[in-house]
Amino acid sequence: MLARRNAPDDGSAAEQAIDSALEGLRGLDELPVADHVKRFDTAHTALTEALGRTENHQSGPHGGS
């Protein structure tokens, strides 16, 4: 497990974050509408962070393509 932490990011962390964010939107139809906003805000934040990770992964450590 320690080796995994030191391994280069292959984008899988971002994919897992996206899956987790989308999972947080499941069951909205069973919640009061007032609770939807918090779920959407949480998912939006997680997706924004995941997008940032994928952009950093694609551009590389030097910011170039």
PDB file of N, CA and C in Angstrom:
ATOM      1  N   MET A   1       0.825  -1.184   0.000  1.00  0.00           N
ATOM      2  CA  MET A   1       0.000   0.000   0.000  1.00  0.00           C
ATOM      3  C   MET A   1       0.871   1.250   0.000  1.00  0.00           C
ATOM      4  N   LEU A   2       2.000   1.223   0.674  1.00  0.00           N
ATOM      5  CA  LEU A   2       2.890   2.363   0.694  1.00  0.00           C
ATOM      6  C   LEU A   2       3.414   2.663  -0.705  1.00  0.00           C
ATOM      7  N   ALA A   3       3.693   1.629  -1.485  1.00  0.00           N
ATOM      8  CA  ALA A   3       4.173   1.831  -2.846  1.00  0.00           C
ATOM      9  C   ALA A   3       3.134   2.556  -3.685  1.00  0.00           C
ATOM     10  N   ARG A   4       1.879   2.315  -3.449  1.00  0.00           N
ATOM     11  CA  ARG A   4       0.807   2.968  -4.207  1.00  0.00           C
ATOM     12  C   ARG A   4       0.810   4.471  -3.962  1.00  0.00           C
ATOM     13  N   ARG A   5       1.094   4.873  -2.723  1.00  0.00           N
ATOM     14  CA  ARG A   5       1.122   6.302  -2.407  1.00  0.00           C
ATOM     15  C   ARG A   5       2.233   7.014  -3.153  1.00  0.00           C
ATOM     16  N   ASN A   6       3.344   6.332  -3.370  1.00  0.00           N
ATOM     17  CA  ASN A   6       4.483   6.932  -4.045  1.00  0.00           C
ATOM     18  C   ASN A   6       4.416   6.786  -5.556  1.00  0.00           C
ATOM     19  N   ALA A   7       3.459   6.020  -6.047  1.00  0.00           N
ATOM     20  CA  ALA A   7       3.326   5.797  -7.483  1.00  0.00           C
ATOM     21  C   ALA A   7       2.781   7.052  -8.151  1.00  0.00           C
ATOM     22  N   PRO A   8       3.170   7.304  -9.406  1.00  0.00           N
ATOM     23  CA  PRO A   8       2.621   8.454 -10.123  1.00  0.00           C
ATOM     24  C   PRO A   8       1.107   8.337 -10.265  1.00  0.00           C
ATOM     25  N   ASP A   9       0.438   9.475 -10.258  1.00  0.00           N
ATOM     26  CA  ASP A   9      -1.019   9.494 -10.397  1.00  0.00           C
ATOM     27  C   ASP A   9      -1.391   9.144 -11.828  1.00  0.00           C
ATOM     28  N   ASP A  10      -2.168   8.099 -11.989  1.00  0.00           N
ATOM     29  CA  ASP A  10      -2.600   7.677 -13.322  1.00  0.00           C
ATOM     30  C   ASP A  10      -4.007   8.159 -13.640  1.00  0.00           C
ATOM     31  N   GLY A  11      -4.542   9.023 -12.803  1.00  0.00           N
ATOM     32  CA  GLY A  11      -5.892   9.533 -13.029  1.00  0.00           C
ATOM     33  C   GLY A  11      -6.962   8.745 -12.313  1.00  0.00           C
ATOM     34  N   SER A  12      -6.594   7.622 -11.712  1.00  0.00           N
ATOM     35  CA  SER A  12      -7.612   6.794 -11.063  1.00  0.00           C
ATOM     36  C   SER A  12      -8.212   7.479  -9.839  1.00  0.00           C
ATOM     37  N   ALA A  13      -7.446   8.316  -9.158  1.00  0.00           N
ATOM     38  CA  ALA A  13      -7.992   9.040  -7.999  1.00  0.00           C
ATOM     39  C   ALA A  13      -9.107   9.977  -8.447  1.00  0.00           C
ATOM     40  N   ALA A  14      -8.912  10.630  -9.577  1.00  0.00           N
ATOM     41  CA  ALA A  14      -9.951  11.521 -10.108  1.00  0.00           C
ATOM     42  C   ALA A  14     -11.185  10.719 -10.507  1.00  0.00           C
ATOM     43  N   GLU A  15     -10.977   9.574 -11.132  1.00  0.00           N
ATOM     44  CA  GLU A  15     -12.109   8.726 -11.517  1.00  0.00           C
ATOM     45  C   GLU A  15     -12.889   8.270 -10.297  1.00  0.00           C
ATOM     46  N   GLN A  16     -12.187   7.907  -9.243  1.00  0.00           N
ATOM     47  CA  GLN A  16     -12.858   7.481  -8.012  1.00  0.00           C
ATOM     48  C   GLN A  16     -13.629   8.641  -7.389  1.00  0.00           C
ATOM     49  N   ALA A  17     -13.063   9.839  -7.447  1.00  0.00           N
ATOM     50  CA  ALA A  17     -13.747  11.016  -6.903  1.00  0.00           C
ATOM     51  C   ALA A  17     -15.018  11.310  -7.686  1.00  0.00           C
ATOM     52  N   ILE A  18     -14.966  11.136  -8.999  1.00  0.00           N
ATOM     53  CA  ILE A  18     -16.150  11.350  -9.839  1.00  0.00           C
ATOM     54  C   ILE A  18     -17.222  10.326  -9.494  1.00  0.00           C
ATOM     55  N   ASP A  19     -16.822   9.061  -9.402  1.00  0.00           N
ATOM     56  CA  ASP A  19     -17.784   8.011  -9.043  1.00  0.00           C
ATOM     57  C   ASP A  19     -18.424   8.293  -7.688  1.00  0.00           C
ATOM     58  N   SER A  20     -17.613   8.720  -6.740  1.00  0.00           N
ATOM     59  CA  SER A  20     -18.114   9.021  -5.401  1.00  0.00           C
ATOM     60  C   SER A  20     -19.079  10.204  -5.430  1.00  0.00           C
ATOM     61  N   ALA A  21     -18.743  11.235  -6.204  1.00  0.00           N
ATOM     62  CA  ALA A  21     -19.618  12.408  -6.307  1.00  0.00           C
ATOM     63  C   ALA A  21     -20.964  12.030  -6.907  1.00  0.00           C
ATOM     64  N   LEU A  22     -20.935  11.227  -7.941  1.00  0.00           N
ATOM     65  CA  LEU A  22     -22.185  10.811  -8.575  1.00  0.00           C
ATOM     66  C   LEU A  22     -22.995   9.900  -7.660  1.00  0.00           C
ATOM     67  N   GLU A  23     -22.309   9.090  -6.886  1.00  0.00           N
ATOM     68  CA  GLU A  23     -22.996   8.219  -5.927  1.00  0.00           C
ATOM     69  C   GLU A  23     -23.761   9.058  -4.906  1.00  0.00           C
ATOM     70  N   GLY A  24     -23.212  10.207  -4.549  1.00  0.00           N
ATOM     71  CA  GLY A  24     -23.869  11.093  -3.601  1.00  0.00           C
ATOM     72  C   GLY A  24     -25.174  11.670  -4.108  1.00  0.00           C
ATOM     73  N   LEU A  25     -25.402  11.579  -5.417  1.00  0.00           N
ATOM     74  CA  LEU A  25     -26.650  12.089  -5.993  1.00  0.00           C
ATOM     75  C   LEU A  25     -27.739  11.023  -6.061  1.00  0.00           C
ATOM     76  N   ARG A  26     -27.372   9.789  -5.782  1.00  0.00           N
ATOM     77  CA  ARG A  26     -28.381   8.722  -5.801  1.00  0.00           C
ATOM     78  C   ARG A  26     -29.382   8.938  -4.676  1.00  0.00           C
ATOM     79  N   GLY A  27     -30.600   8.588  -4.935  1.00  0.00           N
ATOM     80  CA  GLY A  27     -31.630   8.659  -3.912  1.00  0.00           C
ATOM     81  C   GLY A  27     -32.211  10.042  -3.689  1.00  0.00           C
ATOM     82  N   LEU A  28     -31.891  10.987  -4.572  1.00  0.00           N
ATOM     83  CA  LEU A  28     -32.448  12.334  -4.411  1.00  0.00           C
ATOM     84  C   LEU A  28     -33.967  12.321  -4.410  1.00  0.00           C
ATOM     85  N   ASP A  29     -34.544  11.428  -5.190  1.00  0.00           N
ATOM     86  CA  ASP A  29     -36.005  11.382  -5.279  1.00  0.00           C
ATOM     87  C   ASP A  29     -36.658  10.962  -3.961  1.00  0.00           C
ATOM     88  N   GLU A  30     -35.857  10.428  -3.048  1.00  0.00           N
ATOM     89  CA  GLU A  30     -36.382  10.016  -1.748  1.00  0.00           C
ATOM     90  C   GLU A  30     -36.184  11.084  -0.671  1.00  0.00           C
ATOM     91  N   LEU A  31     -35.494  12.170  -1.014  1.00  0.00           N
ATOM     92  CA  LEU A  31     -35.204  13.233  -0.049  1.00  0.00           C
ATOM     93  C   LEU A  31     -36.093  14.443  -0.291  1.00  0.00           C
ATOM     94  N   PRO A  32     -36.321  15.239   0.745  1.00  0.00           N
ATOM     95  CA  PRO A  32     -37.033  16.500   0.538  1.00  0.00           C
ATOM     96  C   PRO A  32     -36.218  17.400  -0.395  1.00  0.00           C
ATOM     97  N   VAL A  33     -36.890  18.178  -1.197  1.00  0.00           N
ATOM     98  CA  VAL A  33     -36.217  19.051  -2.162  1.00  0.00           C
ATOM     99  C   VAL A  33     -35.218  19.973  -1.460  1.00  0.00           C
ATOM    100  N   ALA A  34     -35.535  20.409  -0.269  1.00  0.00           N
ATOM    101  CA  ALA A  34     -34.632  21.298   0.467  1.00  0.00           C
ATOM    102  C   ALA A  34     -33.258  20.658   0.707  1.00  0.00           C
ATOM    103  N   ASP A  35     -33.203  19.343   0.757  1.00  0.00           N
ATOM    104  CA  ASP A  35     -31.931  18.642   0.970  1.00  0.00           C
ATOM    105  C   ASP A  35     -31.131  18.455  -0.319  1.00  0.00           C
ATOM    106  N   HIS A  36     -31.738  18.700  -1.448  1.00  0.00           N
ATOM    107  CA  HIS A  36     -31.059  18.505  -2.730  1.00  0.00           C
ATOM    108  C   HIS A  36     -29.899  19.472  -2.904  1.00  0.00           C
ATOM    109  N   VAL A  37     -30.070  20.708  -2.463  1.00  0.00           N
ATOM    110  CA  VAL A  37     -29.043  21.733  -2.680  1.00  0.00           C
ATOM    111  C   VAL A  37     -27.713  21.304  -2.080  1.00  0.00           C
ATOM    112  N   LYS A  38     -27.737  20.815  -0.861  1.00  0.00           N
ATOM    113  CA  LYS A  38     -26.492  20.387  -0.217  1.00  0.00           C
ATOM    114  C   LYS A  38     -25.846  19.245  -0.996  1.00  0.00           C
ATOM    115  N   ARG A  39     -26.644  18.304  -1.455  1.00  0.00           N
ATOM    116  CA  ARG A  39     -26.106  17.180  -2.235  1.00  0.00           C
ATOM    117  C   ARG A  39     -25.476  17.674  -3.541  1.00  0.00           C
ATOM    118  N   PHE A  40     -26.170  18.602  -4.229  1.00  0.00           N
ATOM    119  CA  PHE A  40     -25.624  19.132  -5.479  1.00  0.00           C
ATOM    120  C   PHE A  40     -24.356  19.941  -5.229  1.00  0.00           C
ATOM    121  N   ASP A  41     -24.336  20.733  -4.173  1.00  0.00           N
ATOM    122  CA  ASP A  41     -23.133  21.507  -3.849  1.00  0.00           C
ATOM    123  C   ASP A  41     -21.948  20.593  -3.558  1.00  0.00           C
ATOM    124  N   THR A  42     -22.195  19.544  -2.800  1.00  0.00           N
ATOM    125  CA  THR A  42     -21.135  18.589  -2.475  1.00  0.00           C
ATOM    126  C   THR A  42     -20.618  17.908  -3.740  1.00  0.00           C
ATOM    127  N   ALA A  43     -21.530  17.481  -4.598  1.00  0.00           N
ATOM    128  CA  ALA A  43     -21.128  16.828  -5.850  1.00  0.00           C
ATOM    129  C   ALA A  43     -20.377  17.801  -6.748  1.00  0.00           C
ATOM    130  N   HIS A  44     -20.844  19.039  -6.824  1.00  0.00           N
ATOM    131  CA  HIS A  44     -20.185  20.040  -7.667  1.00  0.00           C
ATOM    132  C   HIS A  44     -18.757  20.287  -7.198  1.00  0.00           C
ATOM    133  N   THR A  45     -18.574  20.420  -5.900  1.00  0.00           N
ATOM    134  CA  THR A  45     -17.232  20.635  -5.356  1.00  0.00           C
ATOM    135  C   THR A  45     -16.326  19.448  -5.670  1.00  0.00           C
ATOM    136  N   ALA A  46     -16.821  18.251  -5.460  1.00  0.00           N
ATOM    137  CA  ALA A  46     -16.026  17.049  -5.728  1.00  0.00           C
ATOM    138  C   ALA A  46     -15.676  16.926  -7.206  1.00  0.00           C
ATOM    139  N   LEU A  47     -16.626  17.232  -8.074  1.00  0.00           N
ATOM    140  CA  LEU A  47     -16.369  17.149  -9.515  1.00  0.00           C
ATOM    141  C   LEU A  47     -15.376  18.218  -9.959  1.00  0.00           C
ATOM    142  N   THR A  48     -15.471  19.409  -9.393  1.00  0.00           N
ATOM    143  CA  THR A  48     -14.530  20.481  -9.720  1.00  0.00           C
ATOM    144  C   THR A  48     -13.110  20.082  -9.315  1.00  0.00           C
ATOM    145  N   GLU A  49     -12.973  19.510  -8.124  1.00  0.00           N
ATOM    146  CA  GLU A  49     -11.660  19.057  -7.661  1.00  0.00           C
ATOM    147  C   GLU A  49     -11.128  17.927  -8.537  1.00  0.00           C
ATOM    148  N   ALA A  50     -11.989  16.998  -8.920  1.00  0.00           N
ATOM    149  CA  ALA A  50     -11.572  15.889  -9.783  1.00  0.00           C
ATOM    150  C   ALA A  50     -11.134  16.403 -11.142  1.00  0.00           C
ATOM    151  N   LEU A  51     -11.850  17.371 -11.671  1.00  0.00           N
ATOM    152  CA  LEU A  51     -11.469  17.957 -12.955  1.00  0.00           C
ATOM    153  C   LEU A  51     -10.104  18.619 -12.843  1.00  0.00           C
ATOM    154  N   GLY A  52      -9.864  19.299 -11.748  1.00  0.00           N
ATOM    155  CA  GLY A  52      -8.557  19.912 -11.526  1.00  0.00           C
ATOM    156  C   GLY A  52      -7.448  18.879 -11.501  1.00  0.00           C
ATOM    157  N   ARG A  53      -7.712  17.732 -10.866  1.00  0.00           N
ATOM    158  CA  ARG A  53      -6.705  16.670 -10.830  1.00  0.00           C
ATOM    159  C   ARG A  53      -6.441  16.108 -12.218  1.00  0.00           C
ATOM    160  N   THR A  54      -7.485  15.922 -13.015  1.00  0.00           N
ATOM    161  CA  THR A  54      -7.270  15.367 -14.355  1.00  0.00           C
ATOM    162  C   THR A  54      -6.547  16.370 -15.235  1.00  0.00           C
ATOM    163  N   GLU A  55      -6.845  17.660 -15.083  1.00  0.00           N
ATOM    164  CA  GLU A  55      -6.140  18.678 -15.866  1.00  0.00           C
ATOM    165  C   GLU A  55      -4.669  18.712 -15.483  1.00  0.00           C
ATOM    166  N   ASN A  56      -4.369  18.611 -14.186  1.00  0.00           N
ATOM    167  CA  ASN A  56      -2.980  18.581 -13.737  1.00  0.00           C
ATOM    168  C   ASN A  56      -2.279  17.329 -14.239  1.00  0.00           C
ATOM    169  N   HIS A  57      -2.986  16.208 -14.238  1.00  0.00           N
ATOM    170  CA  HIS A  57      -2.413  14.949 -14.708  1.00  0.00           C
ATOM    171  C   HIS A  57      -2.088  15.028 -16.193  1.00  0.00           C
ATOM    172  N   GLN A  58      -2.985  15.610 -16.983  1.00  0.00           N
ATOM    173  CA  GLN A  58      -2.784  15.690 -18.425  1.00  0.00           C
ATOM    174  C   GLN A  58      -1.686  16.674 -18.793  1.00  0.00           C
ATOM    175  N   SER A  59      -1.567  17.770 -18.065  1.00  0.00           N
ATOM    176  CA  SER A  59      -0.571  18.777 -18.417  1.00  0.00           C
ATOM    177  C   SER A  59       0.816  18.403 -17.913  1.00  0.00           C
ATOM    178  N   GLY A  60       0.879  17.488 -16.969  1.00  0.00           N
ATOM    179  CA  GLY A  60       2.163  17.059 -16.452  1.00  0.00           C
ATOM    180  C   GLY A  60       2.698  18.006 -15.402  1.00  0.00           C
ATOM    181  N   PRO A  61       3.840  17.652 -14.816  1.00  0.00           N
ATOM    182  CA  PRO A  61       4.377  18.438 -13.713  1.00  0.00           C
ATOM    183  C   PRO A  61       4.898  19.802 -14.134  1.00  0.00           C
ATOM    184  N   HIS A  62       5.172  19.994 -15.406  1.00  0.00           N
ATOM    185  CA  HIS A  62       5.716  21.262 -15.875  1.00  0.00           C
ATOM    186  C   HIS A  62       4.669  22.158 -16.497  1.00  0.00           C
ATOM    187  N   GLY A  63       3.413  21.737 -16.496  1.00  0.00           N
ATOM    188  CA  GLY A  63       2.333  22.559 -17.019  1.00  0.00           C
ATOM    189  C   GLY A  63       2.225  22.567 -18.529  1.00  0.00           C
ATOM    190  N   GLY A  64       3.019  21.782 -19.215  1.00  0.00           N
ATOM    191  CA  GLY A  64       2.967  21.745 -20.673  1.00  0.00           C
ATOM    192  C   GLY A  64       2.377  20.457 -21.170  1.00  0.00           C
ATOM    193  N   SER A  65       2.036  20.407 -22.439  1.00  0.00           N
ATOM    194  CA  SER A  65       1.466  19.190 -23.016  1.00  0.00           C
ATOM    195  C   SER A  65       2.550  18.292 -23.530  1.00  0.00           C
TER     196      SER A  65
END
